[in-house]
Amino acid sequence: MNQNLIAKYVELVEFFGSQTKTAQALLREQPSVNAWIKGKSQMSETTALRAERVTEGRFKAYELCPSLKEFEDQLVS
């Protein structure tokens, strides 16, 4: 997996303060968050969009979910 993507996930966890708090904020389970930062899975489109919303745009959905990259121009607020 792309190291830049993993770094974004780590930054997101640091923003919330822990994997558990990140999971709670994004309506996910903590093992999902752990899988993101370990490079074992990627964030879904829905979760990436939720992350953008709950961080008030600090983290962009297209940065967290590569499949949204084609929509970068439309998602940027």
PDB file of N, CA and C in Angstrom:
ATOM      1  N   MET A   1       0.844  -1.185   0.000  1.00  0.00           N
ATOM      2  CA  MET A   1       0.000   0.000   0.000  1.00  0.00           C
ATOM      3  C   MET A   1       0.883   1.239   0.000  1.00  0.00           C
ATOM      4  N   ASN A   2       0.383   2.280  -0.572  1.00  0.00           N
ATOM      5  CA  ASN A   2       1.061   3.565  -0.671  1.00  0.00           C
ATOM      6  C   ASN A   2       1.418   4.116   0.719  1.00  0.00           C
ATOM      7  N   GLN A   3       2.685   4.414   0.927  1.00  0.00           N
ATOM      8  CA  GLN A   3       3.140   4.936   2.222  1.00  0.00           C
ATOM      9  C   GLN A   3       2.528   6.301   2.545  1.00  0.00           C
ATOM     10  N   ASN A   4       2.251   7.094   1.515  1.00  0.00           N
ATOM     11  CA  ASN A   4       1.620   8.397   1.753  1.00  0.00           C
ATOM     12  C   ASN A   4       0.214   8.222   2.299  1.00  0.00           C
ATOM     13  N   LEU A   5      -0.494   7.207   1.817  1.00  0.00           N
ATOM     14  CA  LEU A   5      -1.842   6.927   2.297  1.00  0.00           C
ATOM     15  C   LEU A   5      -1.805   6.473   3.756  1.00  0.00           C
ATOM     16  N   ILE A   6      -0.877   5.591   4.076  1.00  0.00           N
ATOM     17  CA  ILE A   6      -0.727   5.140   5.465  1.00  0.00           C
ATOM     18  C   ILE A   6      -0.392   6.327   6.360  1.00  0.00           C
ATOM     19  N   ALA A   7       0.484   7.205   5.893  1.00  0.00           N
ATOM     20  CA  ALA A   7       0.848   8.389   6.675  1.00  0.00           C
ATOM     21  C   ALA A   7      -0.375   9.274   6.931  1.00  0.00           C
ATOM     22  N   LYS A   8      -1.270   9.383   5.939  1.00  0.00           N
ATOM     23  CA  LYS A   8      -2.508  10.156   6.118  1.00  0.00           C
ATOM     24  C   LYS A   8      -3.384   9.537   7.193  1.00  0.00           C
ATOM     25  N   TYR A   9      -3.468   8.194   7.174  1.00  0.00           N
ATOM     26  CA  TYR A   9      -4.261   7.503   8.188  1.00  0.00           C
ATOM     27  C   TYR A   9      -3.679   7.719   9.580  1.00  0.00           C
ATOM     28  N   VAL A  10      -2.359   7.662   9.694  1.00  0.00           N
ATOM     29  CA  VAL A  10      -1.698   7.904  10.980  1.00  0.00           C
ATOM     30  C   VAL A  10      -1.979   9.333  11.437  1.00  0.00           C
ATOM     31  N   GLU A  11      -1.896  10.270  10.523  1.00  0.00           N
ATOM     32  CA  GLU A  11      -2.179  11.678  10.843  1.00  0.00           C
ATOM     33  C   GLU A  11      -3.628  11.843  11.321  1.00  0.00           C
ATOM     34  N   LEU A  12      -4.543  11.129  10.697  1.00  0.00           N
ATOM     35  CA  LEU A  12      -5.949  11.180  11.096  1.00  0.00           C
ATOM     36  C   LEU A  12      -6.125  10.655  12.523  1.00  0.00           C
ATOM     37  N   VAL A  13      -5.462   9.556  12.836  1.00  0.00           N
ATOM     38  CA  VAL A  13      -5.528   9.003  14.191  1.00  0.00           C
ATOM     39  C   VAL A  13      -4.936   9.989  15.196  1.00  0.00           C
ATOM     40  N   GLU A  14      -3.840  10.622  14.837  1.00  0.00           N
ATOM     41  CA  GLU A  14      -3.232  11.631  15.720  1.00  0.00           C
ATOM     42  C   GLU A  14      -4.192  12.800  15.927  1.00  0.00           C
ATOM     43  N   PHE A  15      -4.923  13.175  14.893  1.00  0.00           N
ATOM     44  CA  PHE A  15      -5.905  14.263  14.984  1.00  0.00           C
ATOM     45  C   PHE A  15      -6.960  13.949  16.052  1.00  0.00           C
ATOM     46  N   PHE A  16      -7.456  12.723  16.041  1.00  0.00           N
ATOM     47  CA  PHE A  16      -8.493  12.336  17.004  1.00  0.00           C
ATOM     48  C   PHE A  16      -7.923  11.933  18.360  1.00  0.00           C
ATOM     49  N   GLY A  17      -6.663  11.533  18.397  1.00  0.00           N
ATOM     50  CA  GLY A  17      -6.013  11.214  19.664  1.00  0.00           C
ATOM     51  C   GLY A  17      -5.788   9.741  19.941  1.00  0.00           C
ATOM     52  N   SER A  18      -6.515   8.862  19.266  1.00  0.00           N
ATOM     53  CA  SER A  18      -6.308   7.422  19.434  1.00  0.00           C
ATOM     54  C   SER A  18      -7.076   6.679  18.347  1.00  0.00           C
ATOM     55  N   GLN A  19      -6.746   5.409  18.195  1.00  0.00           N
ATOM     56  CA  GLN A  19      -7.477   4.587  17.231  1.00  0.00           C
ATOM     57  C   GLN A  19      -8.942   4.447  17.656  1.00  0.00           C
ATOM     58  N   THR A  20      -9.176   4.292  18.949  1.00  0.00           N
ATOM     59  CA  THR A  20     -10.544   4.131  19.448  1.00  0.00           C
ATOM     60  C   THR A  20     -11.370   5.383  19.188  1.00  0.00           C
ATOM     61  N   LYS A  21     -10.814   6.555  19.466  1.00  0.00           N
ATOM     62  CA  LYS A  21     -11.542   7.810  19.225  1.00  0.00           C
ATOM     63  C   LYS A  21     -11.784   8.027  17.735  1.00  0.00           C
ATOM     64  N   THR A  22     -10.820   7.631  16.912  1.00  0.00           N
ATOM     65  CA  THR A  22     -10.985   7.730  15.458  1.00  0.00           C
ATOM     66  C   THR A  22     -12.136   6.842  15.018  1.00  0.00           C
ATOM     67  N   ALA A  23     -12.149   5.615  15.498  1.00  0.00           N
ATOM     68  CA  ALA A  23     -13.217   4.676  15.156  1.00  0.00           C
ATOM     69  C   ALA A  23     -14.574   5.221  15.576  1.00  0.00           C
ATOM     70  N   GLN A  24     -14.669   5.760  16.761  1.00  0.00           N
ATOM     71  CA  GLN A  24     -15.935   6.309  17.247  1.00  0.00           C
ATOM     72  C   GLN A  24     -16.399   7.470  16.379  1.00  0.00           C
ATOM     73  N   ALA A  25     -15.487   8.358  16.045  1.00  0.00           N
ATOM     74  CA  ALA A  25     -15.840   9.541  15.242  1.00  0.00           C
ATOM     75  C   ALA A  25     -16.302   9.156  13.844  1.00  0.00           C
ATOM     76  N   LEU A  26     -15.754   8.066  13.322  1.00  0.00           N
ATOM     77  CA  LEU A  26     -16.055   7.661  11.945  1.00  0.00           C
ATOM     78  C   LEU A  26     -17.067   6.514  11.870  1.00  0.00           C
ATOM     79  N   LEU A  27     -17.627   6.159  13.041  1.00  0.00           N
ATOM     80  CA  LEU A  27     -18.636   5.098  13.120  1.00  0.00           C
ATOM     81  C   LEU A  27     -18.104   3.762  12.594  1.00  0.00           C
ATOM     82  N   ARG A  28     -16.891   3.463  12.967  1.00  0.00           N
ATOM     83  CA  ARG A  28     -16.222   2.217  12.587  1.00  0.00           C
ATOM     84  C   ARG A  28     -15.774   1.499  13.856  1.00  0.00           C
ATOM     85  N   GLU A  29     -15.196   0.325  13.693  1.00  0.00           N
ATOM     86  CA  GLU A  29     -14.620  -0.419  14.814  1.00  0.00           C
ATOM     87  C   GLU A  29     -13.108  -0.172  14.843  1.00  0.00           C
ATOM     88  N   GLN A  30     -12.529  -0.223  16.034  1.00  0.00           N
ATOM     89  CA  GLN A  30     -11.095   0.043  16.187  1.00  0.00           C
ATOM     90  C   GLN A  30     -10.226  -0.872  15.327  1.00  0.00           C
ATOM     91  N   PRO A  31     -10.549  -2.166  15.174  1.00  0.00           N
ATOM     92  CA  PRO A  31      -9.702  -3.003  14.306  1.00  0.00           C
ATOM     93  C   PRO A  31      -9.640  -2.498  12.857  1.00  0.00           C
ATOM     94  N   SER A  32     -10.687  -1.850  12.392  1.00  0.00           N
ATOM     95  CA  SER A  32     -10.654  -1.270  11.040  1.00  0.00           C
ATOM     96  C   SER A  32      -9.615  -0.166  10.961  1.00  0.00           C
ATOM     97  N   VAL A  33      -9.593   0.681  11.969  1.00  0.00           N
ATOM     98  CA  VAL A  33      -8.613   1.776  12.008  1.00  0.00           C
ATOM     99  C   VAL A  33      -7.204   1.202  12.062  1.00  0.00           C
ATOM    100  N   ASN A  34      -7.013   0.178  12.868  1.00  0.00           N
ATOM    101  CA  ASN A  34      -5.701  -0.456  12.969  1.00  0.00           C
ATOM    102  C   ASN A  34      -5.271  -1.032  11.626  1.00  0.00           C
ATOM    103  N   ALA A  35      -6.204  -1.623  10.898  1.00  0.00           N
ATOM    104  CA  ALA A  35      -5.883  -2.188   9.577  1.00  0.00           C
ATOM    105  C   ALA A  35      -5.455  -1.097   8.607  1.00  0.00           C
ATOM    106  N   TRP A  36      -6.048   0.086   8.709  1.00  0.00           N
ATOM    107  CA  TRP A  36      -5.653   1.193   7.818  1.00  0.00           C
ATOM    108  C   TRP A  36      -4.209   1.584   8.082  1.00  0.00           C
ATOM    109  N   ILE A  37      -3.865   1.786   9.360  1.00  0.00           N
ATOM    110  CA  ILE A  37      -2.525   2.283   9.664  1.00  0.00           C
ATOM    111  C   ILE A  37      -1.452   1.203   9.518  1.00  0.00           C
ATOM    112  N   LYS A  38      -1.861  -0.051   9.476  1.00  0.00           N
ATOM    113  CA  LYS A  38      -0.921  -1.156   9.228  1.00  0.00           C
ATOM    114  C   LYS A  38      -0.806  -1.463   7.738  1.00  0.00           C
ATOM    115  N   GLY A  39      -1.622  -0.796   6.911  1.00  0.00           N
ATOM    116  CA  GLY A  39      -1.568  -1.021   5.478  1.00  0.00           C
ATOM    117  C   GLY A  39      -2.274  -2.289   5.025  1.00  0.00           C
ATOM    118  N   LYS A  40      -3.149  -2.830   5.866  1.00  0.00           N
ATOM    119  CA  LYS A  40      -3.845  -4.077   5.533  1.00  0.00           C
ATOM    120  C   LYS A  40      -5.161  -3.833   4.798  1.00  0.00           C
ATOM    121  N   SER A  41      -5.705  -2.649   4.920  1.00  0.00           N
ATOM    122  CA  SER A  41      -6.927  -2.305   4.182  1.00  0.00           C
ATOM    123  C   SER A  41      -6.979  -0.802   3.971  1.00  0.00           C
ATOM    124  N   GLN A  42      -7.876  -0.397   3.087  1.00  0.00           N
ATOM    125  CA  GLN A  42      -8.059   1.022   2.808  1.00  0.00           C
ATOM    126  C   GLN A  42      -9.431   1.460   3.296  1.00  0.00           C
ATOM    127  N   MET A  43      -9.544   2.723   3.562  1.00  0.00           N
ATOM    128  CA  MET A  43     -10.791   3.310   4.003  1.00  0.00           C
ATOM    129  C   MET A  43     -11.805   3.294   2.858  1.00  0.00           C
ATOM    130  N   SER A  44     -13.061   3.036   3.191  1.00  0.00           N
ATOM    131  CA  SER A  44     -14.124   3.053   2.183  1.00  0.00           C
ATOM    132  C   SER A  44     -14.459   4.486   1.780  1.00  0.00           C
ATOM    133  N   GLU A  45     -15.149   4.613   0.676  1.00  0.00           N
ATOM    134  CA  GLU A  45     -15.580   5.936   0.201  1.00  0.00           C
ATOM    135  C   GLU A  45     -16.457   6.635   1.238  1.00  0.00           C
ATOM    136  N   THR A  46     -17.406   5.881   1.797  1.00  0.00           N
ATOM    137  CA  THR A  46     -18.328   6.455   2.791  1.00  0.00           C
ATOM    138  C   THR A  46     -17.579   6.952   4.013  1.00  0.00           C
ATOM    139  N   THR A  47     -16.646   6.163   4.490  1.00  0.00           N
ATOM    140  CA  THR A  47     -15.880   6.551   5.674  1.00  0.00           C
ATOM    141  C   THR A  47     -14.992   7.753   5.374  1.00  0.00           C
ATOM    142  N   ALA A  48     -14.402   7.799   4.192  1.00  0.00           N
ATOM    143  CA  ALA A  48     -13.561   8.932   3.809  1.00  0.00           C
ATOM    144  C   ALA A  48     -14.387  10.221   3.746  1.00  0.00           C
ATOM    145  N   LEU A  49     -15.576  10.127   3.188  1.00  0.00           N
ATOM    146  CA  LEU A  49     -16.453  11.297   3.130  1.00  0.00           C
ATOM    147  C   LEU A  49     -16.867  11.731   4.535  1.00  0.00           C
ATOM    148  N   ARG A  50     -17.124  10.760   5.395  1.00  0.00           N
ATOM    149  CA  ARG A  50     -17.472  11.071   6.785  1.00  0.00           C
ATOM    150  C   ARG A  50     -16.291  11.746   7.487  1.00  0.00           C
ATOM    151  N   ALA A  51     -15.080  11.256   7.232  1.00  0.00           N
ATOM    152  CA  ALA A  51     -13.890  11.851   7.847  1.00  0.00           C
ATOM    153  C   ALA A  51     -13.728  13.297   7.423  1.00  0.00           C
ATOM    154  N   GLU A  52     -13.966  13.562   6.151  1.00  0.00           N
ATOM    155  CA  GLU A  52     -13.868  14.948   5.685  1.00  0.00           C
ATOM    156  C   GLU A  52     -14.879  15.826   6.417  1.00  0.00           C
ATOM    157  N   ARG A  53     -16.082  15.317   6.572  1.00  0.00           N
ATOM    158  CA  ARG A  53     -17.129  16.096   7.243  1.00  0.00           C
ATOM    159  C   ARG A  53     -16.815  16.334   8.716  1.00  0.00           C
ATOM    160  N   VAL A  54     -16.451  15.275   9.452  1.00  0.00           N
ATOM    161  CA  VAL A  54     -16.246  15.440  10.896  1.00  0.00           C
ATOM    162  C   VAL A  54     -14.971  16.205  11.234  1.00  0.00           C
ATOM    163  N   THR A  55     -14.021  16.252  10.301  1.00  0.00           N
ATOM    164  CA  THR A  55     -12.809  17.052  10.538  1.00  0.00           C
ATOM    165  C   THR A  55     -12.932  18.443   9.919  1.00  0.00           C
ATOM    166  N   GLU A  56     -14.143  18.751   9.449  1.00  0.00           N
ATOM    167  CA  GLU A  56     -14.423  20.050   8.828  1.00  0.00           C
ATOM    168  C   GLU A  56     -13.448  20.373   7.699  1.00  0.00           C
ATOM    169  N   GLY A  57     -13.128  19.349   6.900  1.00  0.00           N
ATOM    170  CA  GLY A  57     -12.279  19.548   5.732  1.00  0.00           C
ATOM    171  C   GLY A  57     -10.790  19.466   5.973  1.00  0.00           C
ATOM    172  N   ARG A  58     -10.387  19.249   7.205  1.00  0.00           N
ATOM    173  CA  ARG A  58      -8.948  19.121   7.510  1.00  0.00           C
ATOM    174  C   ARG A  58      -8.344  17.951   6.731  1.00  0.00           C
ATOM    175  N   PHE A  59      -9.129  16.871   6.614  1.00  0.00           N
ATOM    176  CA  PHE A  59      -8.731  15.700   5.828  1.00  0.00           C
ATOM    177  C   PHE A  59      -9.711  15.570   4.680  1.00  0.00           C
ATOM    178  N   LYS A  60      -9.205  15.538   3.476  1.00  0.00           N
ATOM    179  CA  LYS A  60     -10.047  15.449   2.282  1.00  0.00           C
ATOM    180  C   LYS A  60     -10.329  13.982   1.958  1.00  0.00           C
ATOM    181  N   ALA A  61     -11.562  13.710   1.571  1.00  0.00           N
ATOM    182  CA  ALA A  61     -11.974  12.338   1.265  1.00  0.00           C
ATOM    183  C   ALA A  61     -11.098  11.723   0.182  1.00  0.00           C
ATOM    184  N   TYR A  62     -10.779  12.487  -0.844  1.00  0.00           N
ATOM    185  CA  TYR A  62      -9.972  11.937  -1.946  1.00  0.00           C
ATOM    186  C   TYR A  62      -8.551  11.603  -1.507  1.00  0.00           C
ATOM    187  N   GLU A  63      -8.077  12.203  -0.412  1.00  0.00           N
ATOM    188  CA  GLU A  63      -6.746  11.875   0.113  1.00  0.00           C
ATOM    189  C   GLU A  63      -6.774  10.570   0.920  1.00  0.00           C
ATOM    190  N   LEU A  64      -7.926  10.250   1.485  1.00  0.00           N
ATOM    191  CA  LEU A  64      -8.066   9.080   2.345  1.00  0.00           C
ATOM    192  C   LEU A  64      -8.533   7.835   1.603  1.00  0.00           C
ATOM    193  N   CYS A  65      -9.129   8.035   0.440  1.00  0.00           N
ATOM    194  CA  CYS A  65      -9.660   6.918  -0.340  1.00  0.00           C
ATOM    195  C   CYS A  65      -9.279   7.117  -1.796  1.00  0.00           C
ATOM    196  N   PRO A  66      -8.289   6.384  -2.282  1.00  0.00           N
ATOM    197  CA  PRO A  66      -7.799   6.570  -3.648  1.00  0.00           C
ATOM    198  C   PRO A  66      -8.877   6.475  -4.729  1.00  0.00           C
ATOM    199  N   SER A  67      -9.917   5.707  -4.500  1.00  0.00           N
ATOM    200  CA  SER A  67     -10.953   5.586  -5.533  1.00  0.00           C
ATOM    201  C   SER A  67     -11.743   6.878  -5.719  1.00  0.00           C
ATOM    202  N   LEU A  68     -11.609   7.823  -4.790  1.00  0.00           N
ATOM    203  CA  LEU A  68     -12.285   9.120  -4.923  1.00  0.00           C
ATOM    204  C   LEU A  68     -11.418  10.168  -5.618  1.00  0.00           C
ATOM    205  N   LYS A  69     -10.194   9.814  -5.957  1.00  0.00           N
ATOM    206  CA  LYS A  69      -9.259  10.775  -6.559  1.00  0.00           C
ATOM    207  C   LYS A  69      -9.825  11.412  -7.827  1.00  0.00           C
ATOM    208  N   GLU A  70     -10.555  10.634  -8.620  1.00  0.00           N
ATOM    209  CA  GLU A  70     -11.110  11.184  -9.861  1.00  0.00           C
ATOM    210  C   GLU A  70     -12.139  12.286  -9.600  1.00  0.00           C
ATOM    211  N   PHE A  71     -12.663  12.340  -8.376  1.00  0.00           N
ATOM    212  CA  PHE A  71     -13.660  13.344  -8.021  1.00  0.00           C
ATOM    213  C   PHE A  71     -13.074  14.518  -7.240  1.00  0.00           C
ATOM    214  N   GLU A  72     -11.761  14.584  -7.196  1.00  0.00           N
ATOM    215  CA  GLU A  72     -11.065  15.611  -6.410  1.00  0.00           C
ATOM    216  C   GLU A  72     -11.614  17.009  -6.657  1.00  0.00           C
ATOM    217  N   ASP A  73     -11.806  17.386  -7.894  1.00  0.00           N
ATOM    218  CA  ASP A  73     -12.277  18.741  -8.207  1.00  0.00           C
ATOM    219  C   ASP A  73     -13.674  19.001  -7.654  1.00  0.00           C
ATOM    220  N   GLN A  74     -14.536  18.001  -7.682  1.00  0.00           N
ATOM    221  CA  GLN A  74     -15.894  18.169  -7.194  1.00  0.00           C
ATOM    222  C   GLN A  74     -15.975  18.147  -5.672  1.00  0.00           C
ATOM    223  N   LEU A  75     -15.050  17.430  -5.005  1.00  0.00           N
ATOM    224  CA  LEU A  75     -15.106  17.263  -3.564  1.00  0.00           C
ATOM    225  C   LEU A  75     -14.442  18.396  -2.815  1.00  0.00           C
ATOM    226  N   VAL A  76     -13.547  19.103  -3.458  1.00  0.00           N
ATOM    227  CA  VAL A  76     -12.843  20.197  -2.784  1.00  0.00           C
ATOM    228  C   VAL A  76     -13.831  21.328  -2.537  1.00  0.00           C
ATOM    229  N   SER A  77     -13.873  21.744  -1.266  1.00  0.00           N
ATOM    230  CA  SER A  77     -14.823  22.816  -0.929  1.00  0.00           C
ATOM    231  C   SER A  77     -14.141  24.155  -0.775  1.00  0.00           C
TER     232      SER A  77
END
